[in-house]
């Protein structure tokens, strides 16, 4: 992970629209981290490395895919 993502790369700085799916195992709800729109105000962090690490650490409902 650390080879591909730095702590300085911000999720909202990405040029393409990105959605990172993650499952909140405590509540059993799907969490979608989006880098556009009103959803960015609800992000736990803006660091891409931390969001990808959080999503990869939890069970996901569906595998990531390219849209």
C-alpha atoms as a PDB file:
ATOM      1  CA  UNK A   1       0.000   0.000   0.000  1.00  0.00           C
ATOM      2  CA  UNK A   2       2.682   2.489   0.975  1.00  0.00           C
ATOM      3  CA  UNK A   3       4.439   2.015  -2.393  1.00  0.00           C
ATOM      4  CA  UNK A   4       1.377   3.208  -4.350  1.00  0.00           C
ATOM      5  CA  UNK A   5      -0.182   5.760  -2.007  1.00  0.00           C
ATOM      6  CA  UNK A   6       1.448   8.548  -0.015  1.00  0.00           C
ATOM      7  CA  UNK A   7       0.051  10.257   3.056  1.00  0.00           C
ATOM      8  CA  UNK A   8       0.021  13.541   1.116  1.00  0.00           C
ATOM      9  CA  UNK A   9      -2.275  12.404  -1.712  1.00  0.00           C
ATOM     10  CA  UNK A  10      -5.760  13.759  -1.007  1.00  0.00           C
ATOM     11  CA  UNK A  11      -8.861  11.812  -2.037  1.00  0.00           C
ATOM     12  CA  UNK A  12     -10.639  14.954  -3.216  1.00  0.00           C
ATOM     13  CA  UNK A  13      -7.637  15.895  -5.400  1.00  0.00           C
ATOM     14  CA  UNK A  14      -8.147  12.963  -7.784  1.00  0.00           C
ATOM     15  CA  UNK A  15      -9.240  14.000 -11.284  1.00  0.00           C
ATOM     16  CA  UNK A  16     -11.613  11.069 -11.895  1.00  0.00           C
ATOM     17  CA  UNK A  17     -14.780  10.308  -9.944  1.00  0.00           C
ATOM     18  CA  UNK A  18     -13.887   7.551  -7.463  1.00  0.00           C
ATOM     19  CA  UNK A  19     -16.069   5.452  -5.169  1.00  0.00           C
ATOM     20  CA  UNK A  20     -14.455   3.192  -2.555  1.00  0.00           C
ATOM     21  CA  UNK A  21     -16.916   0.649  -1.113  1.00  0.00           C
ATOM     22  CA  UNK A  22     -16.492  -0.559   2.452  1.00  0.00           C
ATOM     23  CA  UNK A  23     -18.678  -2.429   4.900  1.00  0.00           C
ATOM     24  CA  UNK A  24     -19.193  -1.028   8.372  1.00  0.00           C
ATOM     25  CA  UNK A  25     -18.939  -4.322  10.244  1.00  0.00           C
ATOM     26  CA  UNK A  26     -20.293  -2.829  13.474  1.00  0.00           C
ATOM     27  CA  UNK A  27     -23.533  -1.542  11.919  1.00  0.00           C
ATOM     28  CA  UNK A  28     -23.746  -3.942   8.957  1.00  0.00           C
ATOM     29  CA  UNK A  29     -24.133  -1.057   6.526  1.00  0.00           C
ATOM     30  CA  UNK A  30     -22.387  -0.345   3.248  1.00  0.00           C
ATOM     31  CA  UNK A  31     -20.239   2.792   3.350  1.00  0.00           C
ATOM     32  CA  UNK A  32     -19.330   4.445   0.046  1.00  0.00           C
ATOM     33  CA  UNK A  33     -16.443   6.892   0.135  1.00  0.00           C
ATOM     34  CA  UNK A  34     -16.984   9.325  -2.774  1.00  0.00           C
ATOM     35  CA  UNK A  35     -14.612  12.082  -3.848  1.00  0.00           C
ATOM     36  CA  UNK A  36     -17.278  14.391  -5.304  1.00  0.00           C
ATOM     37  CA  UNK A  37     -20.410  16.154  -4.131  1.00  0.00           C
ATOM     38  CA  UNK A  38     -21.855  16.510  -0.674  1.00  0.00           C
ATOM     39  CA  UNK A  39     -20.461  13.117   0.395  1.00  0.00           C
ATOM     40  CA  UNK A  40     -16.972  14.580   0.902  1.00  0.00           C
ATOM     41  CA  UNK A  41     -18.150  16.455   3.984  1.00  0.00           C
ATOM     42  CA  UNK A  42     -18.879  13.112   5.667  1.00  0.00           C
ATOM     43  CA  UNK A  43     -15.469  11.524   4.999  1.00  0.00           C
ATOM     44  CA  UNK A  44     -13.601  10.402   8.122  1.00  0.00           C
ATOM     45  CA  UNK A  45     -10.378  11.633   6.467  1.00  0.00           C
ATOM     46  CA  UNK A  46      -9.306  13.164   3.151  1.00  0.00           C
ATOM     47  CA  UNK A  47      -6.122  11.102   2.860  1.00  0.00           C
ATOM     48  CA  UNK A  48      -6.430   8.530   0.078  1.00  0.00           C
ATOM     49  CA  UNK A  49      -4.025   6.148   1.839  1.00  0.00           C
ATOM     50  CA  UNK A  50      -6.153   6.054   5.005  1.00  0.00           C
ATOM     51  CA  UNK A  51      -9.434   5.552   3.106  1.00  0.00           C
ATOM     52  CA  UNK A  52      -8.042   2.706   0.985  1.00  0.00           C
ATOM     53  CA  UNK A  53      -6.487   1.090   4.058  1.00  0.00           C
ATOM     54  CA  UNK A  54      -9.796   1.316   5.937  1.00  0.00           C
ATOM     55  CA  UNK A  55     -11.735  -0.169   3.026  1.00  0.00           C
ATOM     56  CA  UNK A  56      -9.216  -2.985   2.512  1.00  0.00           C
ATOM     57  CA  UNK A  57      -9.170  -3.821   6.215  1.00  0.00           C
ATOM     58  CA  UNK A  58     -12.926  -4.409   6.404  1.00  0.00           C
ATOM     59  CA  UNK A  59     -15.005  -6.966   4.529  1.00  0.00           C
ATOM     60  CA  UNK A  60     -16.473  -5.502   1.345  1.00  0.00           C
ATOM     61  CA  UNK A  61     -19.910  -6.204  -0.043  1.00  0.00           C
ATOM     62  CA  UNK A  62     -18.658  -6.320  -3.619  1.00  0.00           C
ATOM     63  CA  UNK A  63     -15.189  -6.198  -5.205  1.00  0.00           C
ATOM     64  CA  UNK A  64     -13.942  -2.891  -6.633  1.00  0.00           C
ATOM     65  CA  UNK A  65     -14.563  -2.399 -10.343  1.00  0.00           C
ATOM     66  CA  UNK A  66     -13.750   0.207 -12.941  1.00  0.00           C
ATOM     67  CA  UNK A  67     -16.766   2.134 -14.193  1.00  0.00           C
END
